[in-house]
Amino acid sequence: MSYSGKRVTEYRTELGLLAGLSWRDEDGVFNWRGRVAWAHDFNSDRSVAATFQLLPGASFTVGGAQPAPDAALTTLGLERQWSNGWSAAATLEGEFSSTTRSYSGRASIRHAW
């Protein structure tokens, strides 16, 4: 079996709104960040041609998972910084389209001296 070589160059654009707010109190600072965006993929072709070398004319195409060309992106981040050097942060991110759902998150605790 042989496969034809294929190189894919993917271009993606994102357009959206990024906002953030900070509040200071006697204990430290509270930060909030949010993002809502639209993403567009220009090339969603994931097919490759294959051929059985010993069987002439037995060529076929294999199609990979094809992502949706448009997706919604969301982010929510919260951070609390205390005056004593400690801070805690959490971020949630999501990408939603007609064919996929992706969720991710992270949290951190930090001390700076």
PDB file of N, CA and C in Angstrom:
ATOM      1  N   MET A   1       0.842  -1.160   0.000  1.00  0.00           N
ATOM      2  CA  MET A   1       0.000   0.000   0.000  1.00  0.00           C
ATOM      3  C   MET A   1       0.894   1.231   0.000  1.00  0.00           C
ATOM      4  N   SER A   2       0.500   2.225  -0.762  1.00  0.00           N
ATOM      5  CA  SER A   2       1.244   3.489  -0.744  1.00  0.00           C
ATOM      6  C   SER A   2       0.260   4.637  -0.579  1.00  0.00           C
ATOM      7  N   TYR A   3       0.755   5.674   0.044  1.00  0.00           N
ATOM      8  CA  TYR A   3      -0.046   6.874   0.286  1.00  0.00           C
ATOM      9  C   TYR A   3       0.598   8.046  -0.437  1.00  0.00           C
ATOM     10  N   SER A   4      -0.227   8.861  -1.025  1.00  0.00           N
ATOM     11  CA  SER A   4       0.326  10.072  -1.638  1.00  0.00           C
ATOM     12  C   SER A   4       0.648  11.074  -0.531  1.00  0.00           C
ATOM     13  N   GLY A   5       1.744  11.763  -0.714  1.00  0.00           N
ATOM     14  CA  GLY A   5       2.120  12.754   0.288  1.00  0.00           C
ATOM     15  C   GLY A   5       1.182  13.951   0.240  1.00  0.00           C
ATOM     16  N   LYS A   6       0.901  14.502   1.394  1.00  0.00           N
ATOM     17  CA  LYS A   6       0.024  15.656   1.443  1.00  0.00           C
ATOM     18  C   LYS A   6       0.492  16.584   2.552  1.00  0.00           C
ATOM     19  N   ARG A   7       0.605  17.842   2.220  1.00  0.00           N
ATOM     20  CA  ARG A   7       0.974  18.854   3.199  1.00  0.00           C
ATOM     21  C   ARG A   7      -0.202  19.810   3.331  1.00  0.00           C
ATOM     22  N   VAL A   8      -0.600  20.074   4.551  1.00  0.00           N
ATOM     23  CA  VAL A   8      -1.744  20.944   4.800  1.00  0.00           C
ATOM     24  C   VAL A   8      -1.269  22.187   5.545  1.00  0.00           C
ATOM     25  N   THR A   9      -1.627  23.335   5.025  1.00  0.00           N
ATOM     26  CA  THR A   9      -1.374  24.592   5.712  1.00  0.00           C
ATOM     27  C   THR A   9      -2.709  25.128   6.188  1.00  0.00           C
ATOM     28  N   GLU A  10      -2.818  25.335   7.460  1.00  0.00           N
ATOM     29  CA  GLU A  10      -4.080  25.751   8.080  1.00  0.00           C
ATOM     30  C   GLU A  10      -4.016  27.222   8.439  1.00  0.00           C
ATOM     31  N   TYR A  11      -4.989  27.977   7.976  1.00  0.00           N
ATOM     32  CA  TYR A  11      -5.115  29.382   8.349  1.00  0.00           C
ATOM     33  C   TYR A  11      -6.371  29.538   9.179  1.00  0.00           C
ATOM     34  N   ARG A  12      -6.256  30.238  10.280  1.00  0.00           N
ATOM     35  CA  ARG A  12      -7.388  30.450  11.180  1.00  0.00           C
ATOM     36  C   ARG A  12      -7.415  31.917  11.598  1.00  0.00           C
ATOM     37  N   THR A  13      -8.598  32.499  11.562  1.00  0.00           N
ATOM     38  CA  THR A  13      -8.754  33.867  12.048  1.00  0.00           C
ATOM     39  C   THR A  13      -9.677  33.849  13.254  1.00  0.00           C
ATOM     40  N   GLU A  14      -9.441  34.786  14.161  1.00  0.00           N
ATOM     41  CA  GLU A  14     -10.290  34.940  15.338  1.00  0.00           C
ATOM     42  C   GLU A  14     -10.665  36.407  15.475  1.00  0.00           C
ATOM     43  N   LEU A  15     -11.928  36.647  15.754  1.00  0.00           N
ATOM     44  CA  LEU A  15     -12.424  37.999  15.935  1.00  0.00           C
ATOM     45  C   LEU A  15     -13.306  38.000  17.169  1.00  0.00           C
ATOM     46  N   GLY A  16     -13.027  38.892  18.107  1.00  0.00           N
ATOM     47  CA  GLY A  16     -13.834  38.872  19.313  1.00  0.00           C
ATOM     48  C   GLY A  16     -13.568  40.044  20.233  1.00  0.00           C
ATOM     49  N   LEU A  17     -14.030  39.875  21.449  1.00  0.00           N
ATOM     50  CA  LEU A  17     -13.944  40.907  22.467  1.00  0.00           C
ATOM     51  C   LEU A  17     -13.241  40.331  23.690  1.00  0.00           C
ATOM     52  N   LEU A  18     -12.246  41.059  24.194  1.00  0.00           N
ATOM     53  CA  LEU A  18     -11.523  40.686  25.398  1.00  0.00           C
ATOM     54  C   LEU A  18     -11.707  41.819  26.396  1.00  0.00           C
ATOM     55  N   ALA A  19     -12.146  41.498  27.603  1.00  0.00           N
ATOM     56  CA  ALA A  19     -12.402  42.520  28.620  1.00  0.00           C
ATOM     57  C   ALA A  19     -11.795  42.090  29.949  1.00  0.00           C
ATOM     58  N   GLY A  20     -11.464  43.060  30.766  1.00  0.00           N
ATOM     59  CA  GLY A  20     -10.917  42.772  32.081  1.00  0.00           C
ATOM     60  C   GLY A  20     -11.216  43.897  33.054  1.00  0.00           C
ATOM     61  N   LEU A  21     -11.352  43.526  34.303  1.00  0.00           N
ATOM     62  CA  LEU A  21     -11.590  44.488  35.377  1.00  0.00           C
ATOM     63  C   LEU A  21     -10.711  44.131  36.562  1.00  0.00           C
ATOM     64  N   SER A  22     -10.322  45.155  37.333  1.00  0.00           N
ATOM     65  CA  SER A  22      -9.544  44.940  38.552  1.00  0.00           C
ATOM     66  C   SER A  22     -10.146  45.773  39.676  1.00  0.00           C
ATOM     67  N   TRP A  23     -10.208  45.181  40.873  1.00  0.00           N
ATOM     68  CA  TRP A  23     -10.663  45.880  42.066  1.00  0.00           C
ATOM     69  C   TRP A  23      -9.565  45.791  43.115  1.00  0.00           C
ATOM     70  N   ARG A  24      -9.301  46.883  43.778  1.00  0.00           N
ATOM     71  CA  ARG A  24      -8.332  46.905  44.868  1.00  0.00           C
ATOM     72  C   ARG A  24      -9.090  47.114  46.169  1.00  0.00           C
ATOM     73  N   ASP A  25      -8.712  46.362  47.196  1.00  0.00           N
ATOM     74  CA  ASP A  25      -9.248  46.570  48.546  1.00  0.00           C
ATOM     75  C   ASP A  25      -8.076  46.556  49.524  1.00  0.00           C
ATOM     76  N   GLU A  26      -8.359  46.582  50.809  1.00  0.00           N
ATOM     77  CA  GLU A  26      -7.274  46.646  51.796  1.00  0.00           C
ATOM     78  C   GLU A  26      -6.455  45.359  51.869  1.00  0.00           C
ATOM     79  N   ASP A  27      -6.978  44.268  51.355  1.00  0.00           N
ATOM     80  CA  ASP A  27      -6.275  42.988  51.378  1.00  0.00           C
ATOM     81  C   ASP A  27      -5.429  42.721  50.138  1.00  0.00           C
ATOM     82  N   GLY A  28      -5.738  43.355  49.003  1.00  0.00           N
ATOM     83  CA  GLY A  28      -5.001  43.093  47.774  1.00  0.00           C
ATOM     84  C   GLY A  28      -5.802  43.484  46.544  1.00  0.00           C
ATOM     85  N   VAL A  29      -5.679  42.668  45.496  1.00  0.00           N
ATOM     86  CA  VAL A  29      -6.294  42.975  44.200  1.00  0.00           C
ATOM     87  C   VAL A  29      -7.070  41.762  43.705  1.00  0.00           C
ATOM     88  N   PHE A  30      -8.241  42.025  43.106  1.00  0.00           N
ATOM     89  CA  PHE A  30      -9.047  40.990  42.464  1.00  0.00           C
ATOM     90  C   PHE A  30      -9.112  41.319  40.976  1.00  0.00           C
ATOM     91  N   ASN A  31      -8.730  40.367  40.096  1.00  0.00           N
ATOM     92  CA  ASN A  31      -8.736  40.574  38.644  1.00  0.00           C
ATOM     93  C   ASN A  31      -9.728  39.622  37.987  1.00  0.00           C
ATOM     94  N   TRP A  32     -10.450  40.139  37.001  1.00  0.00           N
ATOM     95  CA  TRP A  32     -11.394  39.361  36.217  1.00  0.00           C
ATOM     96  C   TRP A  32     -11.084  39.587  34.744  1.00  0.00           C
ATOM     97  N   ARG A  33     -11.048  38.508  33.940  1.00  0.00           N
ATOM     98  CA  ARG A  33     -10.843  38.606  32.499  1.00  0.00           C
ATOM     99  C   ARG A  33     -11.854  37.720  31.793  1.00  0.00           C
ATOM    100  N   GLY A  34     -12.383  38.208  30.681  1.00  0.00           N
ATOM    101  CA  GLY A  34     -13.326  37.418  29.898  1.00  0.00           C
ATOM    102  C   GLY A  34     -13.101  37.639  28.414  1.00  0.00           C
ATOM    103  N   ARG A  35     -13.429  36.616  27.622  1.00  0.00           N
ATOM    104  CA  ARG A  35     -13.281  36.702  26.173  1.00  0.00           C
ATOM    105  C   ARG A  35     -14.427  35.954  25.511  1.00  0.00           C
ATOM    106  N   VAL A  36     -14.958  36.546  24.461  1.00  0.00           N
ATOM    107  CA  VAL A  36     -15.933  35.897  23.582  1.00  0.00           C
ATOM    108  C   VAL A  36     -15.448  36.174  22.171  1.00  0.00           C
ATOM    109  N   ALA A  37     -15.325  35.132  21.346  1.00  0.00           N
ATOM    110  CA  ALA A  37     -14.779  35.324  20.000  1.00  0.00           C
ATOM    111  C   ALA A  37     -15.376  34.330  19.022  1.00  0.00           C
ATOM    112  N   TRP A  38     -15.233  34.648  17.750  1.00  0.00           N
ATOM    113  CA  TRP A  38     -15.616  33.775  16.650  1.00  0.00           C
ATOM    114  C   TRP A  38     -14.331  33.375  15.933  1.00  0.00           C
ATOM    115  N   ALA A  39     -14.173  32.091  15.627  1.00  0.00           N
ATOM    116  CA  ALA A  39     -12.997  31.588  14.922  1.00  0.00           C
ATOM    117  C   ALA A  39     -13.433  30.957  13.608  1.00  0.00           C
ATOM    118  N   HIS A  40     -12.651  31.184  12.563  1.00  0.00           N
ATOM    119  CA  HIS A  40     -12.944  30.604  11.246  1.00  0.00           C
ATOM    120  C   HIS A  40     -11.694  29.904  10.718  1.00  0.00           C
ATOM    121  N   ASP A  41     -11.837  28.605  10.376  1.00  0.00           N
ATOM    122  CA  ASP A  41     -10.766  27.823   9.756  1.00  0.00           C
ATOM    123  C   ASP A  41     -10.986  27.821   8.250  1.00  0.00           C
ATOM    124  N   PHE A  42      -9.964  28.182   7.487  1.00  0.00           N
ATOM    125  CA  PHE A  42     -10.099  28.291   6.041  1.00  0.00           C
ATOM    126  C   PHE A  42      -9.908  26.968   5.316  1.00  0.00           C
ATOM    127  N   ASN A  43      -9.250  25.977   5.917  1.00  0.00           N
ATOM    128  CA  ASN A  43      -9.017  24.699   5.246  1.00  0.00           C
ATOM    129  C   ASN A  43      -9.406  23.576   6.191  1.00  0.00           C
ATOM    130  N   SER A  44     -10.509  22.894   5.888  1.00  0.00           N
ATOM    131  CA  SER A  44     -10.943  21.789   6.754  1.00  0.00           C
ATOM    132  C   SER A  44     -10.871  20.442   6.042  1.00  0.00           C
ATOM    133  N   ASP A  45     -10.131  20.343   4.927  1.00  0.00           N
ATOM    134  CA  ASP A  45      -9.976  19.095   4.178  1.00  0.00           C
ATOM    135  C   ASP A  45      -8.967  18.197   4.877  1.00  0.00           C
ATOM    136  N   ARG A  46      -9.387  17.013   5.283  1.00  0.00           N
ATOM    137  CA  ARG A  46      -8.511  16.066   5.975  1.00  0.00           C
ATOM    138  C   ARG A  46      -8.449  14.726   5.249  1.00  0.00           C
ATOM    139  N   SER A  47      -8.534  14.720   3.913  1.00  0.00           N
ATOM    140  CA  SER A  47      -8.526  13.464   3.154  1.00  0.00           C
ATOM    141  C   SER A  47      -7.128  13.169   2.614  1.00  0.00           C
ATOM    142  N   VAL A  48      -6.838  11.876   2.393  1.00  0.00           N
ATOM    143  CA  VAL A  48      -5.576  11.434   1.810  1.00  0.00           C
ATOM    144  C   VAL A  48      -5.877  10.268   0.870  1.00  0.00           C
ATOM    145  N   ALA A  49      -5.185  10.210  -0.273  1.00  0.00           N
ATOM    146  CA  ALA A  49      -5.386   9.139  -1.261  1.00  0.00           C
ATOM    147  C   ALA A  49      -4.441   7.977  -0.962  1.00  0.00           C
ATOM    148  N   ALA A  50      -4.951   6.742  -1.121  1.00  0.00           N
ATOM    149  CA  ALA A  50      -4.156   5.530  -0.902  1.00  0.00           C
ATOM    150  C   ALA A  50      -4.354   4.579  -2.073  1.00  0.00           C
ATOM    151  N   THR A  51      -3.320   3.741  -2.361  1.00  0.00           N
ATOM    152  CA  THR A  51      -3.368   2.785  -3.472  1.00  0.00           C
ATOM    153  C   THR A  51      -2.718   1.480  -3.046  1.00  0.00           C
ATOM    154  N   PHE A  52      -3.335   0.330  -3.439  1.00  0.00           N
ATOM    155  CA  PHE A  52      -2.694  -0.978  -3.273  1.00  0.00           C
ATOM    156  C   PHE A  52      -1.727  -1.144  -4.437  1.00  0.00           C
ATOM    157  N   GLN A  53      -0.437  -1.278  -4.189  1.00  0.00           N
ATOM    158  CA  GLN A  53       0.567  -1.298  -5.246  1.00  0.00           C
ATOM    159  C   GLN A  53       0.472  -2.546  -6.116  1.00  0.00           C
ATOM    160  N   LEU A  54       0.092  -3.696  -5.573  1.00  0.00           N
ATOM    161  CA  LEU A  54       0.035  -4.937  -6.347  1.00  0.00           C
ATOM    162  C   LEU A  54      -1.308  -5.151  -7.034  1.00  0.00           C
ATOM    163  N   LEU A  55      -2.264  -4.285  -6.815  1.00  0.00           N
ATOM    164  CA  LEU A  55      -3.591  -4.414  -7.413  1.00  0.00           C
ATOM    165  C   LEU A  55      -3.893  -3.125  -8.183  1.00  0.00           C
ATOM    166  N   PRO A  56      -3.600  -3.134  -9.507  1.00  0.00           N
ATOM    167  CA  PRO A  56      -3.784  -1.899 -10.279  1.00  0.00           C
ATOM    168  C   PRO A  56      -5.235  -1.403 -10.238  1.00  0.00           C
ATOM    169  N   GLY A  57      -5.373  -0.106 -10.122  1.00  0.00           N
ATOM    170  CA  GLY A  57      -6.699   0.498 -10.132  1.00  0.00           C
ATOM    171  C   GLY A  57      -7.440   0.443  -8.802  1.00  0.00           C
ATOM    172  N   ALA A  58      -6.790  -0.075  -7.773  1.00  0.00           N
ATOM    173  CA  ALA A  58      -7.451  -0.185  -6.468  1.00  0.00           C
ATOM    174  C   ALA A  58      -7.066   1.005  -5.589  1.00  0.00           C
ATOM    175  N   SER A  59      -7.471   2.177  -6.006  1.00  0.00           N
ATOM    176  CA  SER A  59      -7.193   3.388  -5.242  1.00  0.00           C
ATOM    177  C   SER A  59      -8.433   3.806  -4.477  1.00  0.00           C
ATOM    178  N   PHE A  60      -8.226   4.430  -3.359  1.00  0.00           N
ATOM    179  CA  PHE A  60      -9.347   4.915  -2.564  1.00  0.00           C
ATOM    180  C   PHE A  60      -8.894   6.124  -1.758  1.00  0.00           C
ATOM    181  N   THR A  61      -9.834   6.847  -1.224  1.00  0.00           N
ATOM    182  CA  THR A  61      -9.550   8.039  -0.433  1.00  0.00           C
ATOM    183  C   THR A  61     -10.007   7.809   0.997  1.00  0.00           C
ATOM    184  N   VAL A  62      -9.164   8.168   1.932  1.00  0.00           N
ATOM    185  CA  VAL A  62      -9.487   8.066   3.351  1.00  0.00           C
ATOM    186  C   VAL A  62      -9.746   9.478   3.861  1.00  0.00           C
ATOM    187  N   GLY A  63     -10.898   9.676   4.475  1.00  0.00           N
ATOM    188  CA  GLY A  63     -11.247  10.993   5.011  1.00  0.00           C
ATOM    189  C   GLY A  63     -11.077  11.032   6.511  1.00  0.00           C
ATOM    190  N   GLY A  64     -10.348  12.012   6.983  1.00  0.00           N
ATOM    191  CA  GLY A  64     -10.161  12.186   8.424  1.00  0.00           C
ATOM    192  C   GLY A  64     -11.307  12.983   9.023  1.00  0.00           C
ATOM    193  N   ALA A  65     -11.275  13.138  10.307  1.00  0.00           N
ATOM    194  CA  ALA A  65     -12.307  13.909  10.995  1.00  0.00           C
ATOM    195  C   ALA A  65     -12.237  15.357  10.521  1.00  0.00           C
ATOM    196  N   GLN A  66     -13.341  15.856  10.014  1.00  0.00           N
ATOM    197  CA  GLN A  66     -13.374  17.192   9.443  1.00  0.00           C
ATOM    198  C   GLN A  66     -13.946  18.179  10.453  1.00  0.00           C
ATOM    199  N   PRO A  67     -13.137  19.146  10.871  1.00  0.00           N
ATOM    200  CA  PRO A  67     -13.638  20.127  11.837  1.00  0.00           C
ATOM    201  C   PRO A  67     -14.606  21.100  11.172  1.00  0.00           C
ATOM    202  N   ALA A  68     -15.476  21.665  11.957  1.00  0.00           N
ATOM    203  CA  ALA A  68     -16.380  22.690  11.445  1.00  0.00           C
ATOM    204  C   ALA A  68     -15.572  23.942  11.122  1.00  0.00           C
ATOM    205  N   PRO A  69     -15.935  24.675  10.088  1.00  0.00           N
ATOM    206  CA  PRO A  69     -15.160  25.863   9.731  1.00  0.00           C
ATOM    207  C   PRO A  69     -15.328  27.024  10.706  1.00  0.00           C
ATOM    208  N   ASP A  70     -16.429  27.067  11.457  1.00  0.00           N
ATOM    209  CA  ASP A  70     -16.685  28.172  12.373  1.00  0.00           C
ATOM    210  C   ASP A  70     -16.877  27.653  13.794  1.00  0.00           C
ATOM    211  N   ALA A  71     -16.357  28.402  14.767  1.00  0.00           N
ATOM    212  CA  ALA A  71     -16.474  28.004  16.170  1.00  0.00           C
ATOM    213  C   ALA A  71     -16.586  29.240  17.048  1.00  0.00           C
ATOM    214  N   ALA A  72     -17.213  29.078  18.196  1.00  0.00           N
ATOM    215  CA  ALA A  72     -17.294  30.122  19.212  1.00  0.00           C
ATOM    216  C   ALA A  72     -16.244  29.830  20.286  1.00  0.00           C
ATOM    217  N   LEU A  73     -15.528  30.857  20.718  1.00  0.00           N
ATOM    218  CA  LEU A  73     -14.498  30.722  21.739  1.00  0.00           C
ATOM    219  C   LEU A  73     -14.904  31.523  22.970  1.00  0.00           C
ATOM    220  N   THR A  74     -14.700  30.934  24.149  1.00  0.00           N
ATOM    221  CA  THR A  74     -15.021  31.628  25.393  1.00  0.00           C
ATOM    222  C   THR A  74     -13.884  31.428  26.397  1.00  0.00           C
ATOM    223  N   THR A  75     -13.659  32.438  27.224  1.00  0.00           N
ATOM    224  CA  THR A  75     -12.664  32.360  28.298  1.00  0.00           C
ATOM    225  C   THR A  75     -13.175  33.151  29.490  1.00  0.00           C
ATOM    226  N   LEU A  76     -12.987  32.600  30.676  1.00  0.00           N
ATOM    227  CA  LEU A  76     -13.285  33.309  31.908  1.00  0.00           C
ATOM    228  C   LEU A  76     -12.123  33.067  32.864  1.00  0.00           C
ATOM    229  N   GLY A  77     -11.501  34.137  33.333  1.00  0.00           N
ATOM    230  CA  GLY A  77     -10.367  34.020  34.251  1.00  0.00           C
ATOM    231  C   GLY A  77     -10.566  34.893  35.476  1.00  0.00           C
ATOM    232  N   LEU A  78     -10.270  34.339  36.647  1.00  0.00           N
ATOM    233  CA  LEU A  78     -10.366  35.053  37.922  1.00  0.00           C
ATOM    234  C   LEU A  78      -9.038  34.911  38.656  1.00  0.00           C
ATOM    235  N   GLU A  79      -8.599  35.997  39.285  1.00  0.00           N
ATOM    236  CA  GLU A  79      -7.360  35.953  40.055  1.00  0.00           C
ATOM    237  C   GLU A  79      -7.497  36.842  41.289  1.00  0.00           C
ATOM    238  N   ARG A  80      -7.030  36.335  42.401  1.00  0.00           N
ATOM    239  CA  ARG A  80      -7.017  37.091  43.659  1.00  0.00           C
ATOM    240  C   ARG A  80      -5.578  37.174  44.135  1.00  0.00           C
ATOM    241  N   GLN A  81      -5.072  38.395  44.337  1.00  0.00           N
ATOM    242  CA  GLN A  81      -3.720  38.620  44.845  1.00  0.00           C
ATOM    243  C   GLN A  81      -3.832  39.273  46.218  1.00  0.00           C
ATOM    244  N   TRP A  82      -3.214  38.645  47.226  1.00  0.00           N
ATOM    245  CA  TRP A  82      -3.241  39.190  48.573  1.00  0.00           C
ATOM    246  C   TRP A  82      -1.964  39.983  48.831  1.00  0.00           C
ATOM    247  N   SER A  83      -2.021  40.902  49.760  1.00  0.00           N
ATOM    248  CA  SER A  83      -0.883  41.774  50.089  1.00  0.00           C
ATOM    249  C   SER A  83       0.304  41.010  50.670  1.00  0.00           C
ATOM    250  N   ASN A  84       0.071  39.826  51.241  1.00  0.00           N
ATOM    251  CA  ASN A  84       1.153  39.051  51.853  1.00  0.00           C
ATOM    252  C   ASN A  84       1.948  38.212  50.847  1.00  0.00           C
ATOM    253  N   GLY A  85       1.682  38.359  49.531  1.00  0.00           N
ATOM    254  CA  GLY A  85       2.451  37.640  48.521  1.00  0.00           C
ATOM    255  C   GLY A  85       1.759  36.423  47.940  1.00  0.00           C
ATOM    256  N   TRP A  86       0.673  35.959  48.514  1.00  0.00           N
ATOM    257  CA  TRP A  86      -0.061  34.801  48.002  1.00  0.00           C
ATOM    258  C   TRP A  86      -1.035  35.241  46.909  1.00  0.00           C
ATOM    259  N   SER A  87      -1.266  34.365  45.954  1.00  0.00           N
ATOM    260  CA  SER A  87      -2.283  34.611  44.935  1.00  0.00           C
ATOM    261  C   SER A  87      -2.886  33.279  44.498  1.00  0.00           C
ATOM    262  N   ALA A  88      -4.122  33.333  44.044  1.00  0.00           N
ATOM    263  CA  ALA A  88      -4.830  32.159  43.528  1.00  0.00           C
ATOM    264  C   ALA A  88      -5.524  32.572  42.234  1.00  0.00           C
ATOM    265  N   ALA A  89      -5.502  31.679  41.246  1.00  0.00           N
ATOM    266  CA  ALA A  89      -6.098  31.992  39.948  1.00  0.00           C
ATOM    267  C   ALA A  89      -6.784  30.766  39.377  1.00  0.00           C
ATOM    268  N   ALA A  90      -7.812  31.001  38.570  1.00  0.00           N
ATOM    269  CA  ALA A  90      -8.513  29.931  37.860  1.00  0.00           C
ATOM    270  C   ALA A  90      -8.937  30.464  36.495  1.00  0.00           C
ATOM    271  N   THR A  91      -8.814  29.619  35.468  1.00  0.00           N
ATOM    272  CA  THR A  91      -9.210  29.983  34.107  1.00  0.00           C
ATOM    273  C   THR A  91      -9.987  28.831  33.494  1.00  0.00           C
ATOM    274  N   LEU A  92     -11.112  29.138  32.863  1.00  0.00           N
ATOM    275  CA  LEU A  92     -11.918  28.171  32.120  1.00  0.00           C
ATOM    276  C   LEU A  92     -12.000  28.635  30.676  1.00  0.00           C
ATOM    277  N   GLU A  93     -11.779  27.710  29.729  1.00  0.00           N
ATOM    278  CA  GLU A  93     -11.843  28.031  28.312  1.00  0.00           C
ATOM    279  C   GLU A  93     -12.715  27.018  27.599  1.00  0.00           C
ATOM    280  N   GLY A  94     -13.393  27.455  26.551  1.00  0.00           N
ATOM    281  CA  GLY A  94     -14.234  26.569  25.767  1.00  0.00           C
ATOM    282  C   GLY A  94     -14.197  26.932  24.299  1.00  0.00           C
ATOM    283  N   GLU A  95     -14.344  25.917  23.445  1.00  0.00           N
ATOM    284  CA  GLU A  95     -14.470  26.112  22.006  1.00  0.00           C
ATOM    285  C   GLU A  95     -15.643  25.253  21.546  1.00  0.00           C
ATOM    286  N   PHE A  96     -16.609  25.879  20.892  1.00  0.00           N
ATOM    287  CA  PHE A  96     -17.861  25.205  20.544  1.00  0.00           C
ATOM    288  C   PHE A  96     -18.162  25.397  19.064  1.00  0.00           C
ATOM    289  N   SER A  97     -18.456  24.299  18.384  1.00  0.00           N
ATOM    290  CA  SER A  97     -18.854  24.363  16.980  1.00  0.00           C
ATOM    291  C   SER A  97     -19.980  23.358  16.759  1.00  0.00           C
ATOM    292  N   SER A  98     -20.409  23.237  15.506  1.00  0.00           N
ATOM    293  CA  SER A  98     -21.495  22.303  15.207  1.00  0.00           C
ATOM    294  C   SER A  98     -21.066  20.844  15.329  1.00  0.00           C
ATOM    295  N   THR A  99     -19.751  20.558  15.302  1.00  0.00           N
ATOM    296  CA  THR A  99     -19.272  19.175  15.376  1.00  0.00           C
ATOM    297  C   THR A  99     -18.405  18.870  16.593  1.00  0.00           C
ATOM    298  N   THR A 100     -17.915  19.889  17.273  1.00  0.00           N
ATOM    299  CA  THR A 100     -16.992  19.636  18.385  1.00  0.00           C
ATOM    300  C   THR A 100     -17.311  20.498  19.598  1.00  0.00           C
ATOM    301  N   ARG A 101     -16.887  20.015  20.742  1.00  0.00           N
ATOM    302  CA  ARG A 101     -16.937  20.761  21.993  1.00  0.00           C
ATOM    303  C   ARG A 101     -15.598  20.526  22.691  1.00  0.00           C
ATOM    304  N   SER A 102     -14.979  21.590  23.131  1.00  0.00           N
ATOM    305  CA  SER A 102     -13.702  21.476  23.816  1.00  0.00           C
ATOM    306  C   SER A 102     -13.752  22.342  25.064  1.00  0.00           C
ATOM    307  N   TYR A 103     -13.392  21.743  26.212  1.00  0.00           N
ATOM    308  CA  TYR A 103     -13.371  22.453  27.488  1.00  0.00           C
ATOM    309  C   TYR A 103     -11.992  22.281  28.106  1.00  0.00           C
ATOM    310  N   SER A 104     -11.487  23.323  28.714  1.00  0.00           N
ATOM    311  CA  SER A 104     -10.238  23.195  29.452  1.00  0.00           C
ATOM    312  C   SER A 104     -10.262  24.161  30.631  1.00  0.00           C
ATOM    313  N   GLY A 105      -9.463  23.849  31.613  1.00  0.00           N
ATOM    314  CA  GLY A 105      -9.387  24.701  32.796  1.00  0.00           C
ATOM    315  C   GLY A 105      -8.058  24.506  33.488  1.00  0.00           C
ATOM    316  N   ARG A 106      -7.701  25.502  34.263  1.00  0.00           N
ATOM    317  CA  ARG A 106      -6.482  25.386  35.053  1.00  0.00           C
ATOM    318  C   ARG A 106      -6.634  26.259  36.299  1.00  0.00           C
ATOM    319  N   ALA A 107      -5.939  25.875  37.316  1.00  0.00           N
ATOM    320  CA  ALA A 107      -5.956  26.615  38.576  1.00  0.00           C
ATOM    321  C   ALA A 107      -4.538  26.669  39.113  1.00  0.00           C
ATOM    322  N   SER A 108      -4.228  27.732  39.842  1.00  0.00           N
ATOM    323  CA  SER A 108      -2.884  27.848  40.390  1.00  0.00           C
ATOM    324  C   SER A 108      -2.932  28.602  41.713  1.00  0.00           C
ATOM    325  N   ILE A 109      -1.984  28.256  42.565  1.00  0.00           N
ATOM    326  CA  ILE A 109      -1.746  28.954  43.820  1.00  0.00           C
ATOM    327  C   ILE A 109      -0.268  29.312  43.814  1.00  0.00           C
ATOM    328  N   ARG A 110       0.052  30.555  44.167  1.00  0.00           N
ATOM    329  CA  ARG A 110       1.424  31.018  44.055  1.00  0.00           C
ATOM    330  C   ARG A 110       1.786  31.899  45.245  1.00  0.00           C
ATOM    331  N   HIS A 111       3.052  31.866  45.597  1.00  0.00           N
ATOM    332  CA  HIS A 111       3.563  32.759  46.643  1.00  0.00           C
ATOM    333  C   HIS A 111       4.841  33.420  46.132  1.00  0.00           C
ATOM    334  N   ALA A 112       4.879  34.738  46.184  1.00  0.00           N
ATOM    335  CA  ALA A 112       6.070  35.490  45.781  1.00  0.00           C
ATOM    336  C   ALA A 112       6.623  36.218  46.999  1.00  0.00           C
ATOM    337  N   TRP A 113       7.943  36.145  47.181  1.00  0.00           N
ATOM    338  CA  TRP A 113       8.549  36.841  48.306  1.00  0.00           C
ATOM    339  C   TRP A 113       9.733  37.647  47.855  1.00  0.00           C
TER     340      TRP A 113
END
